[in-house]
Protein backbone atom coordinates (compact mmCIF):
# COMPACT_ATOMS: atom_id res chain seq x y z
CA UNK A 1 -18.18 37.49 -9.36
CA UNK A 2 -18.20 41.27 -9.66
CA UNK A 3 -14.94 41.34 -11.59
CA UNK A 4 -16.60 41.25 -14.99
CA UNK A 5 -16.30 37.49 -15.41
CA UNK A 6 -20.08 37.21 -15.71
CA UNK A 7 -20.48 39.78 -18.48
CA UNK A 8 -21.96 38.26 -21.60
CA UNK A 9 -22.74 34.93 -19.93
CA UNK A 10 -26.49 35.61 -19.78
CA UNK A 11 -26.74 33.56 -16.59
CA UNK A 12 -29.15 35.91 -14.81
CA UNK A 13 -32.25 33.73 -15.08
CA UNK A 14 -30.34 30.69 -13.83
CA UNK A 15 -28.81 32.66 -10.95
CA UNK A 16 -32.22 34.01 -9.93
CA UNK A 17 -33.53 30.43 -9.61
CA UNK A 18 -30.97 29.66 -6.90
CA UNK A 19 -32.24 29.15 -3.36
CA UNK A 20 -29.91 31.80 -1.91
CA UNK A 21 -27.95 34.44 -3.78
CA UNK A 22 -24.91 36.00 -2.11
CA UNK A 23 -23.19 39.09 -3.36
CA UNK A 24 -20.11 40.88 -2.12
CA UNK A 25 -19.72 44.53 -1.16
CA UNK A 26 -21.42 46.84 -3.64
CA UNK A 27 -21.29 44.49 -6.65
CA UNK A 28 -23.85 45.89 -9.09
CA UNK A 29 -26.89 44.11 -10.44
CA UNK A 30 -28.83 47.03 -11.95
CA UNK A 31 -28.04 47.17 -15.65
CA UNK A 32 -26.51 43.68 -15.54
CA UNK A 33 -29.64 41.63 -14.78
CA UNK A 34 -29.31 39.51 -17.92
CA UNK A 35 -25.84 38.39 -16.81
CA UNK A 36 -26.07 38.32 -12.99
CA UNK A 37 -29.77 38.23 -12.16
CA UNK A 38 -32.01 40.54 -10.16
CA UNK A 39 -32.12 38.96 -6.70
CA UNK A 40 -29.75 39.42 -3.80
CA UNK A 41 -30.62 37.53 -0.62
CA UNK A 42 -27.43 38.17 1.34
CA UNK A 43 -24.75 40.77 0.80
CA UNK A 44 -21.47 40.43 2.71
CA UNK A 45 -19.88 43.85 3.02
CA UNK A 46 -16.37 44.86 4.02
CA UNK A 47 -16.01 47.92 6.22
CA UNK A 48 -14.18 49.60 3.32
CA UNK A 49 -17.25 49.25 1.06
CA UNK A 50 -19.82 50.67 3.47
CA UNK A 51 -19.26 54.26 2.23
CA UNK A 52 -20.08 53.04 -1.30
CA UNK A 53 -23.41 51.66 -0.06
CA UNK A 54 -24.13 54.86 1.84
CA UNK A 55 -23.67 56.86 -1.38
CA UNK A 56 -26.73 55.07 -2.83
CA UNK A 57 -28.82 54.30 0.26
CA UNK A 58 -32.18 54.17 -1.54
CA UNK A 59 -30.79 51.58 -3.95
CA UNK A 60 -29.31 49.35 -1.26
CA UNK A 61 -31.66 49.94 1.68
CA UNK A 62 -34.82 51.37 0.12
CA UNK A 63 -38.36 50.08 0.48
CA UNK A 64 -38.86 46.67 -1.09
CA UNK A 65 -35.23 45.65 -0.68
CA UNK A 66 -35.27 42.39 1.29
CA UNK A 67 -31.50 41.85 1.21
CA UNK A 68 -29.76 40.89 4.45
CA UNK A 69 -26.49 42.76 4.94
CA UNK A 70 -23.65 41.29 7.00
CA UNK A 71 -20.88 43.83 7.57
CA UNK A 72 -17.45 42.94 8.86
CA UNK A 73 -14.43 44.98 9.79
CA UNK A 74 -11.82 45.68 12.43
CA UNK A 75 -12.87 46.84 15.87
CA UNK A 76 -11.45 50.34 15.34
CA UNK A 77 -14.07 50.92 12.61
CA UNK A 78 -16.89 48.83 14.05
CA UNK A 79 -16.77 49.80 17.71
CA UNK A 80 -20.14 50.71 19.14
CA UNK A 81 -19.07 53.40 21.60
CA UNK A 82 -19.57 56.28 19.18
CA UNK A 83 -15.99 56.12 17.89
CA UNK A 84 -16.47 53.47 15.20
CA UNK A 85 -16.81 55.45 11.99
CA UNK A 86 -18.26 52.58 9.94
CA UNK A 87 -20.59 51.47 12.71
CA UNK A 88 -21.84 55.06 13.00
CA UNK A 89 -22.59 55.13 9.25
CA UNK A 90 -24.55 51.89 9.55
CA UNK A 91 -26.44 53.16 12.57
CA UNK A 92 -27.50 56.23 10.58
CA UNK A 93 -28.59 53.99 7.68
CA UNK A 94 -30.78 51.96 10.05
CA UNK A 95 -32.31 55.15 11.45
CA UNK A 96 -33.08 56.36 7.92
CA UNK A 97 -34.22 52.93 6.67
CA UNK A 98 -35.65 51.13 9.73
CA UNK A 99 -36.75 48.10 7.70
CA UNK A 100 -33.16 47.50 6.46
CA UNK A 101 -31.71 44.25 7.75
CA UNK A 102 -28.13 45.17 8.61
CA UNK A 103 -25.99 43.05 10.92
CA UNK A 104 -22.38 43.42 12.01
CA UNK A 105 -19.97 40.69 12.99
CA UNK A 106 -18.70 40.56 16.55
CA UNK A 107 -15.06 41.04 17.49
CA UNK A 108 -14.87 37.35 18.46
CA UNK A 109 -16.22 36.28 15.06
CA UNK A 110 -13.74 38.57 13.29
CA UNK A 111 -10.88 37.04 15.28
CA UNK A 112 -12.10 33.56 14.35
CA UNK A 113 -12.27 34.50 10.66
CA UNK A 114 -8.78 35.98 10.81
CA UNK A 115 -7.48 32.74 12.33
CA UNK A 116 -9.13 30.61 9.64
CA UNK A 117 -7.84 32.90 6.88
CA UNK A 118 -4.28 32.69 8.20
CA UNK A 119 -4.53 28.92 8.62
CA UNK A 120 -5.81 28.44 5.07
CA UNK A 121 -3.56 30.96 3.31
CA UNK A 122 -0.54 31.29 5.58
CA UNK A 123 -1.02 35.07 5.48
CA UNK A 124 -2.31 37.70 7.86
CA UNK A 125 -5.36 39.52 6.57
């Protein structure tokens, strides 16, 4: 949780022993290692949080960072024809940090996730 629920729990060492550590968006670890651990294996990122990652590219994509990034968002932002503003930001990040492991969801996968979300919550995303 990046909502502050982990503060003071001192669960970092236990979290770091997990086989796979997921984090969301730009949830911080630096400065909070005692509470949330140091490792991040997979980071799921909303299209709205990509600019926050891009503000600190060395931190998120720099040498030695082995995190896998999975970015999702609507087609209008993720389109790959030069008009997807978020996709373009990610493309630039990959050019600047070629070792970064950044993946984007497909339109079909986004539609599937939207369907599951609506089925489980009764609400449109």
